[in-house]
Amino acid sequence: MACEACGSANDPEFSAEINIHFPGPMSLDEPGFFVFPKLAVCLDCGFTQFTLPERELCMLKKVLARRRKTHIGNYTDAA
């Protein structure tokens, strides 16, 4: 697969551990959580991309939905 930034084919996959933190005041009472995606890192330009596994994506959606329900007005989508 070619790098989306520079077109290079020099983008091997690596295992990763990423801690997702929530924006703004959410971070005070909602702990972040770890996800373990595969990263495609372009070794020519450094551009990196990943896709969250379905399980972790569902967890993220649930936390955000719960926060929107209980703290309407205190959370805004990051643009």
N, C-alpha and C. Protein backbone atom coordinates (compact mmCIF):
# COMPACT_ATOMS: atom_id res chain seq x y z
N MET A 1 0.84 -1.18 0.00
CA MET A 1 0.00 0.00 0.00
C MET A 1 0.89 1.24 0.00
N ALA A 2 0.55 2.23 -0.77
CA ALA A 2 1.36 3.44 -0.87
C ALA A 2 1.01 4.43 0.23
N CYS A 3 2.02 5.17 0.69
CA CYS A 3 1.84 6.21 1.69
C CYS A 3 0.91 7.28 1.13
N GLU A 4 -0.06 7.70 1.94
CA GLU A 4 -1.00 8.74 1.49
C GLU A 4 -0.35 10.10 1.36
N ALA A 5 0.75 10.34 2.07
CA ALA A 5 1.40 11.65 2.05
C ALA A 5 2.39 11.80 0.90
N CYS A 6 3.24 10.78 0.71
CA CYS A 6 4.30 10.94 -0.29
C CYS A 6 4.27 9.90 -1.41
N GLY A 7 3.41 8.88 -1.28
CA GLY A 7 3.30 7.87 -2.33
C GLY A 7 4.30 6.73 -2.23
N SER A 8 5.19 6.77 -1.25
CA SER A 8 6.20 5.73 -1.08
C SER A 8 5.54 4.40 -0.72
N ALA A 9 6.19 3.33 -1.11
CA ALA A 9 5.71 1.99 -0.74
C ALA A 9 6.49 1.47 0.47
N ASN A 10 7.28 2.33 1.09
CA ASN A 10 8.13 1.95 2.21
C ASN A 10 7.40 2.24 3.53
N ASP A 11 6.26 1.53 3.76
CA ASP A 11 5.46 1.79 4.96
C ASP A 11 5.05 0.49 5.66
N PRO A 12 6.00 -0.15 6.34
CA PRO A 12 5.68 -1.39 7.05
C PRO A 12 4.74 -1.17 8.23
N GLU A 13 4.10 -2.26 8.66
CA GLU A 13 3.19 -2.19 9.81
C GLU A 13 3.94 -2.55 11.09
N PHE A 14 3.54 -1.88 12.17
CA PHE A 14 4.09 -2.13 13.49
C PHE A 14 2.95 -2.27 14.49
N SER A 15 3.16 -3.06 15.52
CA SER A 15 2.19 -3.13 16.62
C SER A 15 2.38 -1.89 17.47
N ALA A 16 1.30 -1.41 18.09
CA ALA A 16 1.40 -0.19 18.89
C ALA A 16 0.50 -0.27 20.11
N GLU A 17 0.79 0.59 21.06
CA GLU A 17 -0.02 0.78 22.25
C GLU A 17 -0.25 2.27 22.37
N ILE A 18 -1.51 2.70 22.30
CA ILE A 18 -1.85 4.11 22.32
C ILE A 18 -2.84 4.36 23.45
N ASN A 19 -2.60 5.40 24.23
CA ASN A 19 -3.53 5.78 25.29
C ASN A 19 -4.35 6.96 24.78
N ILE A 20 -5.67 6.76 24.65
CA ILE A 20 -6.56 7.82 24.17
C ILE A 20 -7.06 8.60 25.37
N HIS A 21 -6.85 9.91 25.34
CA HIS A 21 -7.32 10.81 26.39
C HIS A 21 -8.50 11.60 25.85
N PHE A 22 -9.47 11.89 26.69
CA PHE A 22 -10.64 12.63 26.27
C PHE A 22 -10.38 14.13 26.36
N PRO A 23 -11.06 14.91 25.53
CA PRO A 23 -10.81 16.34 25.46
C PRO A 23 -11.37 17.12 26.65
N GLY A 24 -10.73 18.25 26.93
CA GLY A 24 -11.22 19.21 27.91
C GLY A 24 -11.50 18.64 29.27
N PRO A 25 -12.59 19.09 29.89
CA PRO A 25 -12.92 18.66 31.25
C PRO A 25 -13.21 17.17 31.37
N MET A 26 -13.53 16.52 30.26
CA MET A 26 -13.78 15.07 30.31
C MET A 26 -12.58 14.33 30.88
N SER A 27 -11.38 14.83 30.62
CA SER A 27 -10.18 14.12 31.06
C SER A 27 -10.05 14.08 32.58
N LEU A 28 -10.76 14.97 33.28
CA LEU A 28 -10.67 15.00 34.73
C LEU A 28 -11.40 13.83 35.40
N ASP A 29 -12.54 13.43 34.85
CA ASP A 29 -13.29 12.36 35.49
C ASP A 29 -13.51 11.13 34.60
N GLU A 30 -12.94 11.12 33.43
CA GLU A 30 -13.05 9.98 32.53
C GLU A 30 -11.65 9.54 32.15
N PRO A 31 -11.19 8.43 32.71
CA PRO A 31 -9.82 8.02 32.40
C PRO A 31 -9.66 7.68 30.93
N GLY A 32 -8.46 7.86 30.44
CA GLY A 32 -8.19 7.44 29.07
C GLY A 32 -8.19 5.92 29.01
N PHE A 33 -8.08 5.39 27.81
CA PHE A 33 -7.97 3.94 27.71
C PHE A 33 -7.01 3.56 26.60
N PHE A 34 -6.43 2.39 26.75
CA PHE A 34 -5.43 1.91 25.80
C PHE A 34 -6.09 1.20 24.63
N VAL A 35 -5.53 1.41 23.45
CA VAL A 35 -5.91 0.67 22.24
C VAL A 35 -4.63 0.10 21.66
N PHE A 36 -4.76 -0.96 20.88
CA PHE A 36 -3.60 -1.66 20.36
C PHE A 36 -3.71 -1.86 18.85
N PRO A 37 -3.64 -0.75 18.10
CA PRO A 37 -3.77 -0.86 16.65
C PRO A 37 -2.45 -1.26 15.98
N LYS A 38 -2.55 -1.58 14.72
CA LYS A 38 -1.37 -1.75 13.87
C LYS A 38 -1.12 -0.39 13.22
N LEU A 39 0.12 0.09 13.27
CA LEU A 39 0.48 1.35 12.64
C LEU A 39 1.19 1.10 11.32
N ALA A 40 0.82 1.85 10.29
CA ALA A 40 1.56 1.84 9.04
C ALA A 40 2.40 3.12 9.05
N VAL A 41 3.71 2.97 9.17
CA VAL A 41 4.62 4.11 9.28
C VAL A 41 5.45 4.22 8.01
N CYS A 42 5.34 5.36 7.33
CA CYS A 42 6.16 5.58 6.14
C CYS A 42 7.59 5.87 6.60
N LEU A 43 8.51 5.05 6.17
CA LEU A 43 9.90 5.23 6.57
C LEU A 43 10.61 6.28 5.74
N ASP A 44 9.91 6.86 4.76
CA ASP A 44 10.50 7.93 3.97
C ASP A 44 10.10 9.31 4.48
N CYS A 45 8.82 9.50 4.83
CA CYS A 45 8.39 10.84 5.26
C CYS A 45 7.86 10.89 6.70
N GLY A 46 7.63 9.72 7.32
CA GLY A 46 7.17 9.69 8.70
C GLY A 46 5.66 9.68 8.88
N PHE A 47 4.90 9.84 7.80
CA PHE A 47 3.44 9.83 7.91
C PHE A 47 3.01 8.49 8.49
N THR A 48 2.11 8.53 9.46
CA THR A 48 1.66 7.32 10.15
C THR A 48 0.14 7.29 10.16
N GLN A 49 -0.43 6.12 9.93
CA GLN A 49 -1.88 5.97 9.99
C GLN A 49 -2.23 4.66 10.67
N PHE A 50 -3.44 4.65 11.26
CA PHE A 50 -3.93 3.42 11.87
C PHE A 50 -5.45 3.45 11.88
N THR A 51 -6.02 2.27 12.09
CA THR A 51 -7.46 2.13 12.22
C THR A 51 -7.71 1.46 13.56
N LEU A 52 -8.67 2.02 14.32
CA LEU A 52 -9.02 1.40 15.60
C LEU A 52 -9.76 0.10 15.35
N PRO A 53 -9.40 -0.95 16.08
CA PRO A 53 -10.18 -2.18 15.97
C PRO A 53 -11.62 -1.91 16.42
N GLU A 54 -12.56 -2.66 15.90
CA GLU A 54 -13.99 -2.45 16.17
C GLU A 54 -14.31 -2.40 17.66
N ARG A 55 -13.70 -3.26 18.44
CA ARG A 55 -13.97 -3.30 19.88
C ARG A 55 -13.62 -1.97 20.54
N GLU A 56 -12.43 -1.45 20.25
CA GLU A 56 -12.00 -0.18 20.84
C GLU A 56 -12.82 1.00 20.31
N LEU A 57 -13.20 0.95 19.04
CA LEU A 57 -14.03 2.00 18.47
C LEU A 57 -15.39 2.05 19.17
N CYS A 58 -15.97 0.88 19.45
CA CYS A 58 -17.25 0.82 20.18
C CYS A 58 -17.10 1.39 21.59
N MET A 59 -15.99 1.09 22.27
CA MET A 59 -15.76 1.62 23.61
C MET A 59 -15.70 3.15 23.57
N LEU A 60 -15.00 3.70 22.61
CA LEU A 60 -14.87 5.14 22.46
C LEU A 60 -16.24 5.79 22.22
N LYS A 61 -17.03 5.20 21.35
CA LYS A 61 -18.37 5.72 21.06
C LYS A 61 -19.26 5.69 22.30
N LYS A 62 -19.18 4.61 23.09
CA LYS A 62 -20.01 4.49 24.29
C LYS A 62 -19.66 5.55 25.31
N VAL A 63 -18.38 5.79 25.53
CA VAL A 63 -17.97 6.81 26.50
C VAL A 63 -18.45 8.18 26.05
N LEU A 64 -18.27 8.51 24.79
CA LEU A 64 -18.69 9.82 24.29
C LEU A 64 -20.21 9.98 24.35
N ALA A 65 -20.96 8.93 24.02
CA ALA A 65 -22.41 8.99 24.08
C ALA A 65 -22.88 9.19 25.52
N ARG A 66 -22.27 8.48 26.46
CA ARG A 66 -22.63 8.62 27.87
C ARG A 66 -22.34 10.04 28.36
N ARG A 67 -21.21 10.59 27.95
CA ARG A 67 -20.83 11.94 28.36
C ARG A 67 -21.79 12.97 27.78
N ARG A 68 -22.20 12.79 26.56
CA ARG A 68 -23.13 13.74 25.94
C ARG A 68 -24.47 13.73 26.66
N LYS A 69 -24.90 12.54 27.10
CA LYS A 69 -26.17 12.41 27.81
C LYS A 69 -26.13 13.08 29.18
N THR A 70 -25.04 12.89 29.91
CA THR A 70 -24.98 13.37 31.29
C THR A 70 -24.41 14.77 31.44
N HIS A 71 -23.72 15.27 30.44
CA HIS A 71 -23.09 16.59 30.55
C HIS A 71 -23.36 17.41 29.30
N ILE A 72 -24.61 17.53 28.94
CA ILE A 72 -24.98 18.29 27.75
C ILE A 72 -24.45 19.73 27.89
N GLY A 73 -23.77 20.18 26.88
CA GLY A 73 -23.22 21.53 26.90
C GLY A 73 -21.78 21.59 27.40
N ASN A 74 -21.31 20.56 28.09
CA ASN A 74 -19.93 20.57 28.59
C ASN A 74 -18.96 19.88 27.64
N TYR A 75 -19.46 19.29 26.61
CA TYR A 75 -18.60 18.60 25.65
C TYR A 75 -18.93 19.10 24.26
N THR A 76 -17.92 19.44 23.53
CA THR A 76 -18.11 19.81 22.12
C THR A 76 -17.21 18.96 21.28
N ASP A 77 -17.69 18.59 20.13
CA ASP A 77 -16.86 17.79 19.22
C ASP A 77 -15.66 18.59 18.80
N ALA A 78 -14.51 17.95 18.87
CA ALA A 78 -13.28 18.62 18.40
C ALA A 78 -13.33 18.66 16.88
N ALA A 79 -12.97 19.78 16.33
CA ALA A 79 -12.99 19.93 14.87
C ALA A 79 -11.62 19.67 14.32
